[in-house]
Structure formats: C-alpha cells, structure tokens
Amino acid sequence: MEKAIDEKLLEIYRRLYAAYGPQHWWPAGSPFEVVVGAILTQSAAWVNVEKAIENL
C-alpha cells in the first residue's frame, strides 16, 4: 500500500533536515516573533516588519 502524502512529506523533511540541518532562515529570537513577523509580512515590507517587532 502506498504511503499517505503526509507521511511522504514528513520523510522528505526528515531527509532534508538530516542532510542540511536547521537553516535559521527566520531572524527571530522567539516563537512570538516568528508568528508576528509571519503575519506582518503578509502586507508590509520586511524592513517595516523588523521595526514593528523591535517596538513591541
């Protein structure tokens, strides 16, 4: 029987993580900053998002 798509994606993720490790692509000091940054980047330039996070 074929693996479910979520199982396949998880396996791909695990292999990539094992090969390349954490990428640190999101410059945040906490999960809160990641969430706020992700929401703000939907409608603002990153430079403005950084300023907003600094002011929180």
N, C-alpha and C. Protein backbone atom coordinates (compact mmCIF):
# COMPACT_ATOMS: atom_id res chain seq x y z
N MET A 1 0.84 -1.18 0.00
CA MET A 1 0.00 0.00 0.00
C MET A 1 0.89 1.25 0.00
N GLU A 2 0.47 2.26 -0.74
CA GLU A 2 1.24 3.49 -0.87
C GLU A 2 1.14 4.35 0.40
N LYS A 3 2.26 5.00 0.73
CA LYS A 3 2.27 5.90 1.90
C LYS A 3 1.35 7.08 1.66
N ALA A 4 0.73 7.54 2.72
CA ALA A 4 -0.09 8.74 2.64
C ALA A 4 0.82 9.93 2.34
N ILE A 5 0.25 10.97 1.72
CA ILE A 5 1.04 12.13 1.33
C ILE A 5 1.71 12.79 2.53
N ASP A 6 1.04 12.84 3.67
CA ASP A 6 1.66 13.47 4.84
C ASP A 6 2.87 12.68 5.32
N GLU A 7 2.82 11.37 5.20
CA GLU A 7 3.97 10.54 5.57
C GLU A 7 5.13 10.77 4.61
N LYS A 8 4.82 10.91 3.32
CA LYS A 8 5.86 11.18 2.33
C LYS A 8 6.52 12.53 2.58
N LEU A 9 5.71 13.54 2.84
CA LEU A 9 6.25 14.87 3.10
C LEU A 9 7.11 14.89 4.36
N LEU A 10 6.67 14.19 5.38
CA LEU A 10 7.45 14.11 6.61
C LEU A 10 8.79 13.42 6.36
N GLU A 11 8.79 12.39 5.56
CA GLU A 11 10.04 11.70 5.23
C GLU A 11 10.98 12.62 4.45
N ILE A 12 10.44 13.38 3.50
CA ILE A 12 11.26 14.34 2.75
C ILE A 12 11.86 15.36 3.70
N TYR A 13 11.03 15.89 4.61
CA TYR A 13 11.51 16.87 5.58
C TYR A 13 12.64 16.28 6.43
N ARG A 14 12.44 15.09 6.91
CA ARG A 14 13.46 14.46 7.77
C ARG A 14 14.78 14.27 7.03
N ARG A 15 14.70 13.87 5.78
CA ARG A 15 15.93 13.67 5.00
C ARG A 15 16.64 14.99 4.73
N LEU A 16 15.87 16.01 4.38
CA LEU A 16 16.47 17.32 4.16
C LEU A 16 17.09 17.87 5.44
N TYR A 17 16.39 17.71 6.55
CA TYR A 17 16.91 18.19 7.83
C TYR A 17 18.19 17.44 8.21
N ALA A 18 18.19 16.14 7.97
CA ALA A 18 19.39 15.35 8.28
C ALA A 18 20.57 15.77 7.41
N ALA A 19 20.29 16.10 6.16
CA ALA A 19 21.36 16.47 5.23
C ALA A 19 21.87 17.89 5.45
N TYR A 20 20.95 18.82 5.75
CA TYR A 20 21.33 20.24 5.79
C TYR A 20 21.21 20.89 7.16
N GLY A 21 20.53 20.24 8.10
CA GLY A 21 20.38 20.80 9.44
C GLY A 21 19.46 22.01 9.46
N PRO A 22 19.35 22.66 10.61
CA PRO A 22 18.49 23.84 10.72
C PRO A 22 19.06 24.98 9.88
N GLN A 23 18.21 25.73 9.22
CA GLN A 23 18.65 26.78 8.30
C GLN A 23 18.70 28.17 8.92
N HIS A 24 18.01 28.37 10.02
CA HIS A 24 17.99 29.68 10.68
C HIS A 24 17.60 30.78 9.69
N TRP A 25 16.63 30.50 8.85
CA TRP A 25 16.22 31.44 7.82
C TRP A 25 15.33 32.55 8.34
N TRP A 26 14.77 32.38 9.50
CA TRP A 26 13.87 33.41 10.03
C TRP A 26 14.56 34.09 11.20
N PRO A 27 14.90 35.37 11.05
CA PRO A 27 15.64 36.07 12.11
C PRO A 27 14.74 36.44 13.28
N ALA A 28 14.52 35.51 14.17
CA ALA A 28 13.63 35.77 15.31
C ALA A 28 14.25 35.18 16.57
N GLY A 29 13.98 35.85 17.67
CA GLY A 29 14.52 35.39 18.94
C GLY A 29 13.56 34.52 19.72
N SER A 30 12.29 34.47 19.26
CA SER A 30 11.29 33.70 19.99
C SER A 30 10.19 33.25 19.04
N PRO A 31 9.40 32.26 19.43
CA PRO A 31 8.26 31.85 18.61
C PRO A 31 7.28 33.00 18.38
N PHE A 32 7.11 33.86 19.39
CA PHE A 32 6.23 35.01 19.25
C PHE A 32 6.67 35.90 18.09
N GLU A 33 7.98 36.16 17.99
CA GLU A 33 8.49 36.99 16.90
C GLU A 33 8.26 36.34 15.55
N VAL A 34 8.37 35.02 15.47
CA VAL A 34 8.11 34.32 14.22
C VAL A 34 6.66 34.52 13.80
N VAL A 35 5.74 34.34 14.74
CA VAL A 35 4.31 34.48 14.44
C VAL A 35 3.99 35.91 14.02
N VAL A 36 4.44 36.89 14.80
CA VAL A 36 4.16 38.29 14.47
C VAL A 36 4.79 38.64 13.12
N GLY A 37 6.01 38.24 12.90
CA GLY A 37 6.67 38.52 11.63
C GLY A 37 5.96 37.89 10.46
N ALA A 38 5.49 36.66 10.62
CA ALA A 38 4.78 35.98 9.54
C ALA A 38 3.48 36.70 9.20
N ILE A 39 2.79 37.18 10.20
CA ILE A 39 1.53 37.90 9.96
C ILE A 39 1.81 39.24 9.30
N LEU A 40 2.77 39.98 9.82
CA LEU A 40 3.05 41.31 9.29
C LEU A 40 3.60 41.27 7.87
N THR A 41 4.37 40.26 7.52
CA THR A 41 4.94 40.21 6.18
C THR A 41 3.90 39.97 5.10
N GLN A 42 2.70 39.64 5.50
CA GLN A 42 1.64 39.45 4.51
C GLN A 42 1.27 40.77 3.84
N SER A 43 1.50 41.90 4.53
CA SER A 43 1.08 43.18 3.95
C SER A 43 2.09 44.30 4.17
N ALA A 44 3.32 43.97 4.55
CA ALA A 44 4.31 45.01 4.80
C ALA A 44 5.69 44.55 4.34
N ALA A 45 6.53 45.51 4.02
CA ALA A 45 7.91 45.20 3.65
C ALA A 45 8.67 44.72 4.88
N TRP A 46 9.65 43.85 4.68
CA TRP A 46 10.38 43.27 5.80
C TRP A 46 11.02 44.33 6.68
N VAL A 47 11.54 45.39 6.08
CA VAL A 47 12.18 46.44 6.87
C VAL A 47 11.18 47.04 7.87
N ASN A 48 9.94 47.19 7.46
CA ASN A 48 8.91 47.71 8.36
C ASN A 48 8.49 46.68 9.40
N VAL A 49 8.51 45.43 9.03
CA VAL A 49 8.19 44.36 9.98
C VAL A 49 9.24 44.35 11.10
N GLU A 50 10.51 44.46 10.73
CA GLU A 50 11.58 44.49 11.73
C GLU A 50 11.39 45.65 12.70
N LYS A 51 11.03 46.80 12.18
CA LYS A 51 10.80 47.97 13.04
C LYS A 51 9.63 47.72 13.99
N ALA A 52 8.56 47.12 13.46
CA ALA A 52 7.39 46.86 14.30
C ALA A 52 7.72 45.88 15.42
N ILE A 53 8.46 44.83 15.09
CA ILE A 53 8.83 43.85 16.11
C ILE A 53 9.73 44.48 17.17
N GLU A 54 10.66 45.32 16.75
CA GLU A 54 11.53 46.00 17.71
C GLU A 54 10.73 46.86 18.67
N ASN A 55 9.63 47.44 18.20
CA ASN A 55 8.82 48.32 19.03
C ASN A 55 7.86 47.58 19.95
N LEU A 56 7.73 46.27 19.78
CA LEU A 56 6.82 45.51 20.65
C LEU A 56 7.42 45.29 22.01
